[in-house]
Amino acid sequence: MTIVGVPAGWPATEEEARAVQDGLRGRVVLDEPGPPPGTGRVTGVDVAYDDGLDLVAAAAVVLDAATLEVVAEATAVGRVSFPYVPGLLAFREIPTVRAALDRLPCPPGLVVCDGYGVAHPRRFGLASHLGVLTDLPTIGVAKNPFTFTYDDPAPARGSSAPLLDGAEEVGRALRTRDGVKPVFVSAGHRVSLGTALAHTLALTPRYRLPETTRRADALCRQALRAAGTAFPPDQAGAGRPRQDQGDRR
């Protein structure tokens, strides 16, 4: 099994990581509508961790946007490339996520991240960071509102309410199932918020979470289990189960 290493020059401290965010944030593009929902391909990415083994597994699952059938999938396993710091989780994940995307046999189309785009304290979450580095259209669909506030949307599927940082709207709380807790959608790169909302609804015909997230989550967990077998705990200390970190990316 090939293990993705930490890239040369990768930030090692919080100060370095924030400086990278500041340097890249101005490259986020928010004035493009993005690909229309239901057309082309849409790819979900997600990660699973074993911090005891110093491993992170990433999965990229490509779906046909019209049928939501799987077109292609790929995984990668890498070293954890940054300490756990809320708001800086992209630095733990991006090297391995990019490796998984690079292993796909076809272009990914729109990329859906289990996390945040501009709905981030520094307006540069995982979806925005990944989008800038790859120049792919990206959106973030998170399970929780991070540090932001919102009014509860109306109970019907498709209802939404602004996700707010003070008076600034950074995303939307979107109801994907009648009467079920909303998800939290934000633009990442080269996609408008309206298009991000429409894609999220198209990806949730039966469940609260998008099919992209559900399938990528299952695949990265499978890849992590395989990596744990290849690198048993007695080689690197006792492994710990995955931490659910996606909602602070």
Protein backbone atom coordinates (compact mmCIF):
# COMPACT_ATOMS: atom_id res chain seq x y z
CA MET A 1 0.00 0.00 0.00
CA THR A 2 1.36 3.42 -1.00
CA ILE A 3 1.13 6.03 1.73
CA VAL A 4 0.74 9.68 0.69
CA GLY A 5 3.40 11.72 2.43
CA VAL A 6 3.21 15.24 3.79
CA PRO A 7 4.14 17.66 0.98
CA ALA A 8 7.39 19.55 1.25
CA GLY A 9 6.85 22.98 2.76
CA TRP A 10 3.42 22.05 4.16
CA PRO A 11 2.46 24.30 7.11
CA ALA A 12 3.44 22.90 10.48
CA THR A 13 2.03 25.54 12.86
CA GLU A 14 -1.25 27.40 13.27
CA GLU A 15 0.44 30.66 12.30
CA GLU A 16 1.78 29.18 9.07
CA ALA A 17 -1.58 27.63 8.19
CA ARG A 18 -3.47 30.88 8.77
CA ALA A 19 -0.95 32.72 6.61
CA VAL A 20 -1.64 30.23 3.80
CA GLN A 21 -5.38 30.77 4.20
CA ASP A 22 -4.87 34.53 4.01
CA GLY A 23 -2.73 34.18 0.90
CA LEU A 24 -5.17 31.90 -0.97
CA ARG A 25 -8.52 33.31 0.15
CA GLY A 26 -8.44 36.12 -2.42
CA ARG A 27 -8.41 33.54 -5.21
CA VAL A 28 -11.87 32.16 -4.35
CA VAL A 29 -14.29 32.75 -7.25
CA LEU A 30 -17.92 33.31 -6.26
CA ASP A 31 -19.28 35.07 -9.36
CA GLU A 32 -19.64 31.94 -11.51
CA PRO A 33 -22.94 30.03 -11.32
CA GLY A 34 -21.32 26.63 -11.57
CA PRO A 35 -22.53 23.51 -13.41
CA PRO A 36 -26.33 23.09 -13.59
CA PRO A 37 -27.78 20.48 -11.23
CA GLY A 38 -28.64 17.16 -12.81
CA THR A 39 -26.02 17.44 -15.57
CA GLY A 40 -22.55 15.98 -15.97
CA ARG A 41 -20.80 14.45 -12.99
CA VAL A 42 -20.70 15.26 -9.30
CA THR A 43 -18.08 13.90 -6.91
CA GLY A 44 -18.19 13.48 -3.18
CA VAL A 45 -15.04 13.54 -1.06
CA ASP A 46 -14.70 12.54 2.57
CA VAL A 47 -12.01 11.35 4.99
CA ALA A 48 -11.62 9.02 7.95
CA TYR A 49 -8.82 9.12 10.53
CA ASP A 50 -6.83 6.82 12.72
CA ASP A 51 -4.74 9.26 14.72
CA GLY A 52 -3.11 6.43 16.67
CA LEU A 53 -1.62 5.12 13.44
CA ASP A 54 -1.09 8.64 12.07
CA LEU A 55 -3.24 7.77 9.03
CA VAL A 56 -5.99 9.50 7.11
CA ALA A 57 -7.99 7.76 4.37
CA ALA A 58 -9.70 9.80 1.66
CA ALA A 59 -12.35 8.71 -0.82
CA ALA A 60 -13.64 10.33 -4.00
CA VAL A 61 -16.85 8.92 -5.46
CA VAL A 62 -18.07 10.15 -8.86
CA LEU A 63 -21.81 10.02 -9.53
CA ASP A 64 -23.78 10.63 -12.69
CA ALA A 65 -25.60 13.82 -11.70
CA ALA A 66 -28.82 12.78 -13.46
CA THR A 67 -29.15 9.22 -12.11
CA LEU A 68 -26.91 9.35 -9.00
CA GLU A 69 -25.36 6.07 -10.13
CA VAL A 70 -21.67 5.55 -9.32
CA VAL A 71 -19.41 6.26 -12.30
CA ALA A 72 -16.01 5.86 -10.65
CA GLU A 73 -14.35 5.87 -7.26
CA ALA A 74 -10.86 6.11 -5.81
CA THR A 75 -9.18 6.14 -2.42
CA ALA A 76 -5.86 7.22 -0.97
CA VAL A 77 -4.24 6.75 2.44
CA GLY A 78 -1.80 9.28 3.81
CA ARG A 79 -0.06 10.53 6.88
CA VAL A 80 -1.94 13.03 9.02
CA SER A 81 -0.37 16.25 7.80
CA PHE A 82 -1.34 18.76 10.51
CA PRO A 83 -2.45 18.81 14.19
CA TYR A 84 -6.16 18.86 14.99
CA VAL A 85 -7.19 22.55 15.13
CA PRO A 86 -10.83 23.57 14.48
CA GLY A 87 -10.96 25.80 11.42
CA LEU A 88 -7.71 24.38 10.04
CA LEU A 89 -8.77 20.82 9.27
CA ALA A 90 -8.21 21.28 5.56
CA PHE A 91 -4.48 21.10 6.30
CA ARG A 92 -4.96 17.59 7.73
CA GLU A 93 -6.89 16.35 4.73
CA ILE A 94 -6.08 18.06 1.44
CA PRO A 95 -2.91 16.14 0.47
CA THR A 96 -4.73 12.80 0.72
CA VAL A 97 -7.97 14.11 -0.79
CA ARG A 98 -6.05 15.44 -3.78
CA ALA A 99 -4.34 12.08 -4.18
CA ALA A 100 -7.75 10.36 -4.28
CA LEU A 101 -9.03 12.85 -6.86
CA ASP A 102 -5.90 12.35 -8.95
CA ARG A 103 -6.55 8.59 -9.03
CA LEU A 104 -9.98 8.97 -10.59
CA PRO A 105 -10.18 7.71 -14.18
CA CYS A 106 -12.43 10.61 -15.24
CA PRO A 107 -12.87 14.33 -14.51
CA PRO A 108 -14.79 14.81 -11.23
CA GLY A 109 -17.07 17.65 -12.29
CA LEU A 110 -18.55 19.45 -9.29
CA VAL A 111 -16.92 18.39 -5.99
CA VAL A 112 -19.07 18.19 -2.85
CA CYS A 113 -17.18 18.33 0.46
CA ASP A 114 -18.48 17.11 3.81
CA GLY A 115 -17.68 20.43 5.45
CA TYR A 116 -17.60 24.13 4.66
CA GLY A 117 -16.68 26.55 1.93
CA VAL A 118 -17.01 30.27 2.69
CA ALA A 119 -19.08 29.42 5.78
CA HIS A 120 -15.89 29.46 7.81
CA PRO A 121 -14.51 31.97 10.34
CA ARG A 122 -11.80 32.95 7.83
CA ARG A 123 -14.13 32.41 4.81
CA PHE A 124 -11.85 29.64 3.58
CA GLY A 125 -13.02 26.19 4.61
CA LEU A 126 -12.15 22.86 3.04
CA ALA A 127 -14.38 23.30 -0.04
CA SER A 128 -12.91 26.72 -0.85
CA HIS A 129 -9.33 25.59 -0.16
CA LEU A 130 -9.67 22.48 -2.31
CA GLY A 131 -11.39 24.44 -5.05
CA VAL A 132 -8.65 27.06 -5.24
CA LEU A 133 -5.88 24.44 -5.35
CA THR A 134 -7.58 22.32 -8.03
CA ASP A 135 -9.62 25.04 -9.79
CA LEU A 136 -12.61 22.67 -9.65
CA PRO A 137 -16.13 23.91 -8.81
CA THR A 138 -16.75 23.00 -5.17
CA ILE A 139 -19.44 23.29 -2.52
CA GLY A 140 -19.62 22.45 1.18
CA VAL A 141 -22.51 20.57 2.78
CA ALA A 142 -22.05 20.25 6.55
CA LYS A 143 -24.02 18.47 9.24
CA ASN A 144 -23.78 21.28 11.81
CA PRO A 145 -23.68 25.10 11.69
CA PHE A 146 -20.15 25.45 13.14
CA THR A 147 -20.08 28.81 15.00
CA PHE A 148 -22.85 30.43 12.94
CA THR A 149 -26.50 31.19 13.72
CA TYR A 150 -29.72 30.62 11.79
CA ASP A 151 -33.47 30.62 12.19
CA ASP A 152 -35.08 27.24 11.78
CA PRO A 153 -36.31 26.85 8.18
CA ALA A 154 -39.92 25.98 7.47
CA PRO A 155 -40.54 22.23 7.91
CA ALA A 156 -41.02 21.39 4.20
CA ARG A 157 -38.20 19.94 2.10
CA GLY A 158 -36.49 22.72 0.15
CA SER A 159 -37.05 25.40 2.80
CA SER A 160 -33.97 27.35 3.80
CA ALA A 161 -32.82 30.13 6.10
CA PRO A 162 -29.67 32.29 6.08
CA LEU A 163 -26.64 30.98 7.93
CA LEU A 164 -25.28 34.11 9.58
CA ASP A 165 -22.05 35.42 10.99
CA GLY A 166 -23.47 38.51 12.64
CA ALA A 167 -25.33 40.25 9.81
CA GLU A 168 -23.35 38.51 7.03
CA GLU A 169 -24.90 35.57 5.22
CA VAL A 170 -22.23 32.90 4.73
CA GLY A 171 -24.47 30.03 3.64
CA ARG A 172 -27.88 28.50 4.11
CA ALA A 173 -29.55 26.07 6.46
CA LEU A 174 -31.41 23.81 4.02
CA ARG A 175 -34.17 21.33 4.82
CA THR A 176 -33.59 18.25 2.68
CA ARG A 177 -36.31 16.10 4.29
CA ASP A 178 -39.68 17.21 5.65
CA GLY A 179 -39.38 17.94 9.37
CA VAL A 180 -35.77 16.72 9.61
CA LYS A 181 -32.83 18.77 10.87
CA PRO A 182 -31.35 20.91 8.05
CA VAL A 183 -27.92 20.63 6.49
CA PHE A 184 -25.67 23.67 6.11
CA VAL A 185 -24.69 24.61 2.59
CA SER A 186 -22.06 27.08 1.44
CA ALA A 187 -20.35 27.94 -1.82
CA GLY A 188 -16.75 26.79 -2.13
CA HIS A 189 -15.25 27.93 -5.44
CA ARG A 190 -16.66 28.69 -8.89
CA VAL A 191 -20.25 27.97 -7.74
CA SER A 192 -22.96 30.33 -6.53
CA LEU A 193 -24.86 29.69 -3.32
CA GLY A 194 -28.09 29.24 -5.29
CA THR A 195 -26.50 26.54 -7.44
CA ALA A 196 -25.03 24.89 -4.34
CA LEU A 197 -28.52 24.70 -2.79
CA ALA A 198 -30.00 23.25 -5.98
CA HIS A 199 -27.28 20.59 -6.19
CA THR A 200 -27.81 19.64 -2.55
CA LEU A 201 -31.52 19.09 -3.13
CA ALA A 202 -30.80 17.06 -6.27
CA LEU A 203 -28.41 14.89 -4.26
CA THR A 204 -30.86 14.17 -1.42
CA PRO A 205 -33.83 12.34 -2.98
CA ARG A 206 -34.20 9.94 -0.02
CA TYR A 207 -31.94 10.93 2.86
CA ARG A 208 -30.93 14.01 4.82
CA LEU A 209 -27.31 13.87 3.61
CA PRO A 210 -26.27 14.00 -0.04
CA GLU A 211 -25.58 10.73 -1.81
CA THR A 212 -22.06 12.01 -2.44
CA THR A 213 -21.39 12.28 1.29
CA ARG A 214 -23.01 8.95 2.14
CA ARG A 215 -21.06 7.01 -0.46
CA ALA A 216 -17.71 8.71 0.11
CA ASP A 217 -18.06 8.26 3.87
CA ALA A 218 -18.59 4.51 3.50
CA LEU A 219 -15.68 4.15 1.08
CA CYS A 220 -13.14 6.10 3.14
CA ARG A 221 -14.03 4.08 6.25
CA GLN A 222 -13.48 0.91 4.24
CA ALA A 223 -10.10 2.20 3.07
CA LEU A 224 -9.12 3.08 6.65
CA ARG A 225 -9.99 -0.42 7.84
CA ALA A 226 -7.82 -1.88 5.10
CA ALA A 227 -4.97 0.46 6.06
CA GLY A 228 -5.32 -0.56 9.70
CA THR A 229 -4.88 -4.19 8.67
CA ALA A 230 -1.81 -3.34 6.63
CA PHE A 231 -0.38 -1.26 9.50
CA PRO A 232 -1.52 -2.94 12.73
CA PRO A 233 -1.51 -1.00 16.02
CA ASP A 234 1.57 -2.74 17.35
CA GLN A 235 3.56 -1.04 14.58
CA ALA A 236 2.48 2.48 15.52
CA GLY A 237 0.80 2.50 18.91
CA ALA A 238 -2.84 1.79 19.66
CA GLY A 239 -5.21 3.08 17.00
CA ARG A 240 -8.09 5.33 17.92
CA PRO A 241 -11.46 5.44 16.19
CA ARG A 242 -12.29 8.20 13.75
CA GLN A 243 -13.16 11.60 15.13
CA ASP A 244 -16.10 13.27 13.36
CA GLN A 245 -14.25 16.40 12.31
CA GLY A 246 -16.02 17.28 9.09
CA ASP A 247 -18.22 19.95 10.61
CA ARG A 248 -15.24 22.08 11.58
CA ARG A 249 -13.46 22.09 8.26
